Amino acid sequence: MTLFSSRHLSLSRNRFFLPSVLALGLAASASAMAQVTAPVPANVVNIAASGFLEVPQDWLAMTLNTTREGSDAGTVQNQLKQALDAALAIARASAKPQQLEVRTGQFSLYPRYGSNGKINGWQGSTELVLEGRDFALISATAGKIQTLTMSSTSFSLSREARRKLESDVQALAIERFKVRADEVSKGFGFTGYSLREVNVSSADQEVRPFQPRAMAMEAKAAMSDAAVPLEAGKSTVNVTVSGSIQLR
C-alpha cells in the first residue's frame, strides 16, 4: 500500500508539472517570435532644434582679505580678528538684502617652520565677501574698508535671473522644435506628425570682460575711499531639444 501510494502521488505530480512546463515554453517562444517579427516603425524622423539667449550678469561677489604673521599664535589671531571686525562694521552699515549682502570667508592660522624643522612663527589670513546686485554700492563699500584689501571679484547670474533665463530659452527651443517638425512633415508630403520621444538638454557659458589684476587695485583701495572699477560680463544659456517624430 505504501509503495502504490508513493508511485501514484509521483505520477499525479508529473501529470500537473508537464503541462505547466509546456505552457511556459510555448509562451516564451511566442514572445520571442513577436519580438523578432515586430514591424519596424516607418516614417519616423529624428530632428533637433536649439535656442539661446545672452543676458548681462546681475550678481557680483567681491572677496577682501588680509594676512598677518608673528611669533605668537594668539597675537596673530587677535590681529586678524580686529581687522575683520573693523571691516564687518563698515560693511554691515551698508548692507541691504539682495543688493549688498555680507558674509565672512576663510579664516586660517598655521605655523611656519624653520630649517631645523621647529616652529619659528605663525601666519594667518581672513576673508570678507561682499555680494549682491548693486555693483556701485558694493564697490563703494569695499573702498571704505581700510583693514582688508580686495583679492578677487566674480560675476554671475542671480538664482532668480538664471531660472527665468532657462525658462525663456527652453520655451524658445521647444517652439523651434515644433516649427522644424512641421516643416519636415510638410516637406515629405505629410499633413502632420506625432511626437514619439524628446530630450531636453541645456548648457551655459559666462563671457567675462577683461579685468585689471586685483593686485594692481589693492593699493588704491587701501589708500583711499575710491570705488573699485568694475564691469560685468554676460551669461549665455543654450537649450537643445532633440527627438523623433512620426509622420502621418
Protein backbone atom coordinates (compact mmCIF):
# COMPACT_ATOMS: atom_id res chain seq x y z
CA MET A 1 0.00 0.00 0.00
CA THR A 2 2.79 2.43 0.77
CA LEU A 3 4.64 1.73 -2.50
CA PHE A 4 1.45 2.13 -4.50
CA SER A 5 0.57 5.43 -2.82
CA SER A 6 4.03 6.93 -3.41
CA ARG A 7 4.04 5.92 -7.05
CA HIS A 8 0.52 7.20 -7.58
CA LEU A 9 1.48 10.56 -5.96
CA SER A 10 4.59 10.87 -8.17
CA LEU A 11 2.56 10.24 -11.33
CA SER A 12 -0.04 12.77 -10.27
CA ARG A 13 2.60 15.43 -9.75
CA ASN A 14 4.19 14.76 -13.14
CA ARG A 15 0.76 15.00 -14.77
CA PHE A 16 0.38 18.58 -13.48
CA PHE A 17 4.04 19.58 -13.93
CA LEU A 18 4.48 18.67 -17.60
CA PRO A 19 1.61 20.84 -18.96
CA SER A 20 2.92 23.78 -16.94
CA VAL A 21 6.40 23.42 -18.43
CA LEU A 22 4.95 23.12 -21.92
CA ALA A 23 2.79 26.22 -21.40
CA LEU A 24 5.77 28.26 -20.22
CA GLY A 25 7.87 27.09 -23.16
CA LEU A 26 5.15 27.98 -25.65
CA ALA A 27 4.70 31.42 -24.06
CA ALA A 28 8.44 32.14 -24.23
CA SER A 29 8.55 31.02 -27.87
CA ALA A 30 5.59 33.20 -28.75
CA SER A 31 7.20 36.18 -27.03
CA ALA A 32 10.48 35.64 -28.88
CA MET A 33 8.66 35.34 -32.22
CA ALA A 34 6.70 38.52 -31.51
CA GLN A 35 9.94 40.38 -30.84
CA VAL A 36 11.55 39.09 -33.99
CA THR A 37 8.55 39.77 -36.23
CA ALA A 38 7.66 43.19 -34.72
CA PRO A 39 7.39 45.67 -37.61
CA VAL A 40 9.99 48.42 -37.84
CA PRO A 41 8.32 51.84 -37.46
CA ALA A 42 8.05 53.64 -40.78
CA ASN A 43 8.08 57.36 -41.49
CA VAL A 44 9.99 58.22 -38.32
CA VAL A 45 12.36 61.21 -38.45
CA ASN A 46 14.93 62.38 -35.89
CA ILE A 47 15.23 66.14 -35.58
CA ALA A 48 16.77 68.72 -33.21
CA ALA A 49 16.44 72.43 -32.56
CA SER A 50 18.30 74.84 -30.26
CA GLY A 51 17.65 78.16 -28.63
CA PHE A 52 19.92 80.51 -26.73
CA LEU A 53 19.78 83.88 -25.03
CA GLU A 54 22.53 86.12 -23.69
CA VAL A 55 21.95 88.47 -20.77
CA PRO A 56 24.17 90.67 -18.59
CA GLN A 57 25.31 89.13 -15.33
CA ASP A 58 23.48 90.69 -12.41
CA TRP A 59 25.33 89.28 -9.37
CA LEU A 60 28.72 90.38 -8.04
CA ALA A 61 30.81 88.64 -5.38
CA MET A 62 33.85 90.57 -4.14
CA THR A 63 36.33 88.97 -1.77
CA LEU A 64 38.53 91.07 0.50
CA ASN A 65 41.28 89.60 2.66
CA THR A 66 44.37 90.28 4.72
CA THR A 67 47.25 88.30 6.20
CA ARG A 68 49.15 88.69 9.45
CA GLU A 69 52.23 86.97 10.83
CA GLY A 70 54.17 86.92 14.06
CA SER A 71 55.92 84.79 16.63
CA ASP A 72 52.84 84.20 18.79
CA ALA A 73 49.73 82.43 17.50
CA GLY A 74 47.36 84.27 19.85
CA THR A 75 48.69 87.67 18.77
CA VAL A 76 48.28 86.84 15.07
CA GLN A 77 44.76 85.54 15.66
CA ASN A 78 43.76 88.71 17.55
CA GLN A 79 45.17 90.92 14.78
CA LEU A 80 43.14 89.07 12.18
CA LYS A 81 40.01 89.31 14.32
CA GLN A 82 40.45 93.06 14.78
CA ALA A 83 40.92 93.59 11.05
CA LEU A 84 37.84 91.53 10.25
CA ASP A 85 35.68 93.18 12.94
CA ALA A 86 36.56 96.64 11.63
CA ALA A 87 35.68 95.61 8.07
CA LEU A 88 32.40 94.00 9.19
CA ALA A 89 31.34 97.17 10.99
CA ILE A 90 31.66 99.18 7.78
CA ALA A 91 30.11 96.55 5.53
CA ARG A 92 27.11 95.88 7.77
CA ALA A 93 26.28 99.57 7.88
CA SER A 94 25.69 99.49 4.10
CA ALA A 95 24.12 96.03 3.85
CA LYS A 96 20.79 95.66 2.04
CA PRO A 97 19.02 92.36 1.22
CA GLN A 98 19.86 91.20 -2.31
CA GLN A 99 21.69 94.47 -3.03
CA LEU A 100 24.66 94.12 -0.68
CA GLU A 101 24.96 91.02 1.45
CA VAL A 102 27.87 90.40 3.82
CA ARG A 103 29.43 87.12 4.87
CA THR A 104 32.79 86.02 6.21
CA GLY A 105 35.07 83.75 4.18
CA GLN A 106 38.01 81.62 5.21
CA PHE A 107 39.82 82.22 8.48
CA SER A 108 43.08 80.29 8.75
CA LEU A 109 46.06 80.18 11.11
CA TYR A 110 49.03 77.89 10.59
CA PRO A 111 52.63 77.60 11.83
CA ARG A 112 55.82 78.43 9.96
CA TYR A 113 58.77 76.08 10.26
CA GLY A 114 62.44 76.90 10.20
CA SER A 115 65.28 74.95 8.61
CA ASN A 116 65.61 72.92 11.80
CA GLY A 117 62.02 71.68 11.49
CA LYS A 118 60.78 73.64 14.51
CA ILE A 119 58.04 76.27 14.59
CA ASN A 120 59.54 79.75 14.33
CA GLY A 121 56.36 81.78 13.79
CA TRP A 122 52.72 81.89 12.81
CA GLN A 123 50.85 83.16 9.77
CA GLY A 124 47.15 83.59 9.20
CA SER A 125 44.58 85.11 6.88
CA THR A 126 40.95 86.13 6.93
CA GLU A 127 38.34 86.93 4.26
CA LEU A 128 35.21 89.01 3.91
CA VAL A 129 32.80 88.58 0.99
CA LEU A 130 30.53 91.35 -0.29
CA GLU A 131 27.94 90.23 -2.81
CA GLY A 132 24.71 91.37 -4.39
CA ARG A 133 23.11 93.19 -7.32
CA ASP A 134 24.16 96.75 -6.53
CA PHE A 135 27.62 96.86 -8.07
CA ALA A 136 28.15 100.53 -7.25
CA LEU A 137 27.25 100.06 -3.58
CA ILE A 138 29.50 97.01 -3.25
CA SER A 139 32.40 98.80 -4.90
CA ALA A 140 31.95 101.93 -2.77
CA THR A 141 31.72 99.91 0.43
CA ALA A 142 34.87 97.96 -0.43
CA GLY A 143 36.68 101.25 -1.00
CA LYS A 144 35.84 102.38 2.55
CA ILE A 145 37.34 99.30 4.20
CA GLN A 146 40.95 100.01 5.19
CA THR A 147 41.83 96.83 7.10
CA LEU A 148 41.27 94.44 4.19
CA THR A 149 42.21 94.60 0.51
CA MET A 150 40.42 93.19 -2.49
CA SER A 151 41.68 89.81 -3.65
CA SER A 152 39.14 88.75 -6.27
CA THR A 153 35.83 89.53 -7.97
CA SER A 154 33.41 87.24 -9.80
CA PHE A 155 30.23 87.94 -11.75
CA SER A 156 27.33 85.56 -12.31
CA LEU A 157 23.58 85.39 -12.66
CA SER A 158 21.41 85.52 -9.59
CA ARG A 159 19.21 82.49 -8.92
CA GLU A 160 16.10 84.38 -9.99
CA ALA A 161 17.67 85.63 -13.22
CA ARG A 162 19.03 82.18 -14.08
CA ARG A 163 15.67 80.45 -13.55
CA LYS A 164 13.91 82.99 -15.75
CA LEU A 165 16.57 82.77 -18.45
CA GLU A 166 16.49 78.96 -18.54
CA SER A 167 12.68 79.00 -18.72
CA ASP A 168 12.67 81.52 -21.58
CA VAL A 169 15.35 79.65 -23.54
CA GLN A 170 13.61 76.30 -23.08
CA ALA A 171 10.35 77.76 -24.39
CA LEU A 172 12.23 79.18 -27.39
CA ALA A 173 13.92 75.83 -28.16
CA ILE A 174 10.63 73.91 -27.89
CA GLU A 175 8.90 76.35 -30.24
CA ARG A 176 11.72 75.99 -32.78
CA PHE A 177 11.49 72.19 -32.49
CA LYS A 178 7.76 72.33 -33.27
CA VAL A 179 8.31 74.59 -36.27
CA ARG A 180 11.07 72.30 -37.52
CA ALA A 181 8.86 69.22 -37.12
CA ASP A 182 6.03 70.89 -39.01
CA GLU A 183 8.38 71.90 -41.85
CA VAL A 184 9.81 68.38 -42.12
CA SER A 185 6.40 66.71 -42.19
CA LYS A 186 5.10 69.05 -44.88
CA GLY A 187 8.33 68.73 -46.86
CA PHE A 188 7.81 64.97 -47.13
CA GLY A 189 4.19 65.42 -48.20
CA PHE A 190 2.54 64.55 -44.88
CA THR A 191 -0.22 66.56 -43.24
CA GLY A 192 1.16 66.41 -39.72
CA TYR A 193 3.15 64.47 -37.16
CA SER A 194 3.02 62.98 -33.68
CA LEU A 195 5.79 63.18 -31.13
CA ARG A 196 7.43 59.84 -30.32
CA GLU A 197 10.21 60.85 -27.89
CA VAL A 198 12.02 64.02 -26.89
CA ASN A 199 15.13 65.02 -24.93
CA VAL A 200 15.93 68.44 -23.49
CA SER A 201 19.49 69.43 -22.59
CA SER A 202 20.97 72.74 -21.52
CA ALA A 203 24.38 74.36 -21.17
CA ASP A 204 25.50 77.78 -20.00
CA GLN A 205 28.57 79.89 -20.64
CA GLU A 206 29.93 83.01 -18.99
CA VAL A 207 31.59 85.71 -21.06
CA ARG A 208 33.82 87.83 -18.86
CA PRO A 209 35.28 91.18 -19.87
CA PHE A 210 38.93 91.98 -19.29
CA GLN A 211 39.54 92.81 -15.63
CA PRO A 212 42.60 94.63 -14.28
CA ARG A 213 44.65 92.44 -11.95
CA ALA A 214 43.39 92.53 -8.40
CA MET A 215 46.86 93.21 -7.05
CA ALA A 216 47.11 96.38 -9.10
CA MET A 217 43.95 97.74 -7.50
CA GLU A 218 44.63 96.72 -3.91
CA ALA A 219 46.95 99.64 -3.18
CA LYS A 220 44.41 102.13 -4.48
CA ALA A 221 41.59 100.58 -2.46
CA ALA A 222 43.71 100.54 0.70
CA MET A 223 44.90 104.14 0.43
CA SER A 224 41.58 105.87 -0.28
CA ASP A 225 37.80 105.55 -0.25
CA ALA A 226 37.71 105.35 -4.06
CA ALA A 227 35.36 102.75 -5.54
CA VAL A 228 36.96 99.88 -7.39
CA PRO A 229 36.22 99.97 -11.16
CA LEU A 230 34.00 97.05 -12.20
CA GLU A 231 32.40 95.75 -15.37
CA ALA A 232 30.13 92.72 -15.56
CA GLY A 233 30.19 90.22 -18.38
CA LYS A 234 27.35 88.22 -19.90
CA SER A 235 25.92 84.76 -19.40
CA THR A 236 24.58 82.62 -22.22
CA VAL A 237 22.20 79.69 -21.77
CA ASN A 238 21.74 77.25 -24.65
CA VAL A 239 18.95 74.65 -24.67
CA THR A 240 18.71 71.87 -27.27
CA VAL A 241 15.52 69.89 -27.87
CA SER A 242 16.02 66.65 -29.82
CA GLY A 243 13.80 63.68 -30.51
CA SER A 244 11.86 61.69 -33.08
CA ILE A 245 8.52 62.33 -34.75
CA GLN A 246 6.08 60.03 -36.53
CA LEU A 247 4.96 61.49 -39.85
CA ARG A 248 1.29 60.99 -40.60
